[in-house]
Amino acid sequence: MPIYEYWCDSCCRIISSYRHGLSMPPPPCPRCGNNELKRIFSTFSVQKTYKDIYEDILSDRELTQSMIRDDPRAIAEWNRRMSSGEKSPPEYEEITERMERGELPVTQIEEKRKELSG
């Protein structure tokens, strides 16, 4: 069910409401009770599926060729695309930054393992 946004002229607020469709009348303002809300254009996002992300990566010939050559920069790019902008833990960010500089992840992981085991 989509979320629609409305503007209340009476209390100058944006109201969000789940609606079955555009044919439904706007709800009353929950703050002031005004029944004359105006529908406004709201932003939306479309989430890519993992399949879409993989297809995007596989269609990038330069990236896939670099990954075949074990280029750490390509691996970092693959990880960035797969995470879809989600925040990574600090230790993962450090490894990713090092891969972006061209360091191989195997070396980084081994160093991190030694650091944690003492």
Protein backbone atom coordinates (compact mmCIF):
# COMPACT_ATOMS: atom_id res chain seq x y z
CA MET A 1 0.00 0.00 0.00
CA PRO A 2 1.57 3.33 -1.02
CA ILE A 3 2.15 6.27 1.28
CA TYR A 4 0.74 9.57 0.04
CA GLU A 5 1.65 12.98 1.40
CA TYR A 6 -0.73 15.87 1.89
CA TRP A 7 -0.35 19.53 2.83
CA CYS A 8 -2.56 21.10 5.47
CA ASP A 9 -3.02 24.85 4.87
CA SER A 10 -4.57 25.24 8.30
CA CYS A 11 -1.58 24.13 10.40
CA CYS A 12 1.10 24.25 7.66
CA ARG A 13 2.16 20.62 8.06
CA ILE A 14 2.88 17.69 5.78
CA ILE A 15 0.79 14.63 6.59
CA SER A 16 1.72 11.12 5.43
CA SER A 17 -0.98 8.51 5.03
CA TYR A 18 -1.24 4.92 3.76
CA ARG A 19 -3.90 4.90 1.03
CA HIS A 20 -5.26 2.16 -1.20
CA GLY A 21 -5.12 4.48 -4.20
CA LEU A 22 -5.63 7.96 -5.55
CA SER A 23 -9.39 7.47 -5.71
CA MET A 24 -9.63 7.56 -1.90
CA PRO A 25 -10.36 10.99 -0.44
CA PRO A 26 -7.57 12.59 1.62
CA PRO A 27 -7.69 11.89 5.34
CA PRO A 28 -8.45 14.68 7.81
CA CYS A 29 -5.42 16.40 9.32
CA PRO A 30 -4.55 14.47 12.51
CA ARG A 31 -3.41 17.68 14.20
CA CYS A 32 -6.15 20.20 13.44
CA GLY A 33 -8.91 18.12 11.81
CA ASN A 34 -8.89 20.11 8.53
CA ASN A 35 -10.67 18.11 5.79
CA GLU A 36 -9.24 20.15 2.91
CA LEU A 37 -5.77 18.61 2.54
CA LYS A 38 -3.92 18.99 -0.76
CA ARG A 39 -1.98 16.05 -2.15
CA ILE A 40 1.67 16.90 -2.79
CA PHE A 41 4.32 15.18 -4.86
CA SER A 42 6.55 13.08 -2.62
CA THR A 43 9.87 11.42 -3.21
CA PHE A 44 10.24 7.68 -3.55
CA SER A 45 12.97 5.12 -3.96
CA VAL A 46 13.26 1.86 -5.77
CA GLN A 47 15.40 -0.83 -4.22
CA LYS A 48 17.42 -2.98 -6.57
CA THR A 49 17.37 -6.70 -6.01
CA TYR A 50 20.62 -8.63 -5.62
CA LYS A 51 19.95 -10.04 -9.10
CA ASP A 52 19.78 -6.50 -10.52
CA ILE A 53 23.02 -5.59 -8.74
CA TYR A 54 24.79 -8.72 -10.03
CA GLU A 55 23.58 -8.04 -13.56
CA ASP A 56 24.84 -4.46 -13.28
CA ILE A 57 28.25 -5.69 -12.10
CA LEU A 58 28.47 -8.42 -14.75
CA SER A 59 27.55 -5.98 -17.51
CA ASP A 60 30.50 -3.76 -16.50
CA ARG A 61 33.22 -5.37 -18.63
CA GLU A 62 36.04 -3.30 -17.14
CA LEU A 63 35.04 -4.21 -13.59
CA THR A 64 34.66 -7.92 -14.31
CA GLN A 65 38.01 -8.08 -16.13
CA SER A 66 39.68 -6.32 -13.19
CA MET A 67 38.07 -8.76 -10.76
CA ILE A 68 39.36 -11.71 -12.82
CA ARG A 69 42.86 -10.20 -12.45
CA ASP A 70 42.30 -9.98 -8.64
CA ASP A 71 42.58 -6.20 -8.68
CA PRO A 72 41.81 -5.10 -5.11
CA ARG A 73 40.26 -1.87 -6.41
CA ALA A 74 37.72 -3.89 -8.41
CA ILE A 75 36.93 -6.02 -5.35
CA ALA A 76 36.36 -2.83 -3.32
CA GLU A 77 34.07 -1.52 -6.07
CA TRP A 78 32.15 -4.80 -6.12
CA ASN A 79 31.72 -4.58 -2.34
CA ARG A 80 30.55 -0.97 -2.59
CA ARG A 81 27.94 -1.86 -5.18
CA MET A 82 26.74 -4.90 -3.23
CA SER A 83 26.33 -2.95 0.00
CA SER A 84 23.99 -0.45 -1.74
CA GLY A 85 25.22 2.41 0.44
CA GLU A 86 24.77 0.67 3.80
CA LYS A 87 27.26 1.64 6.50
CA SER A 88 29.98 -0.94 7.13
CA PRO A 89 31.69 -1.70 10.45
CA PRO A 90 34.86 0.39 10.97
CA GLU A 91 37.24 -2.57 10.54
CA TYR A 92 35.58 -3.44 7.23
CA GLU A 93 35.79 0.18 6.08
CA GLU A 94 39.53 0.13 6.83
CA ILE A 95 40.00 -3.00 4.70
CA THR A 96 37.93 -1.49 1.89
CA GLU A 97 39.95 1.74 1.98
CA ARG A 98 43.16 -0.26 1.75
CA MET A 99 41.78 -2.25 -1.21
CA GLU A 100 40.88 1.04 -2.91
CA ARG A 101 44.59 1.96 -2.56
CA GLY A 102 45.52 -1.30 -4.30
CA GLU A 103 46.44 -3.55 -1.36
CA LEU A 104 45.35 -7.19 -1.62
CA PRO A 105 42.62 -8.23 0.85
CA VAL A 106 44.40 -11.50 1.76
CA THR A 107 47.27 -9.51 3.26
CA GLN A 108 44.88 -7.21 5.12
CA ILE A 109 42.81 -10.05 6.54
CA GLU A 110 45.94 -11.87 7.74
CA GLU A 111 47.23 -8.67 9.37
CA LYS A 112 43.84 -8.10 11.05
CA ARG A 113 43.81 -11.73 12.31
CA LYS A 114 47.31 -11.32 13.82
CA GLU A 115 46.33 -7.96 15.36
CA LEU A 116 43.26 -9.46 17.03
CA SER A 117 45.00 -12.63 18.25
CA GLY A 118 47.93 -10.70 19.73
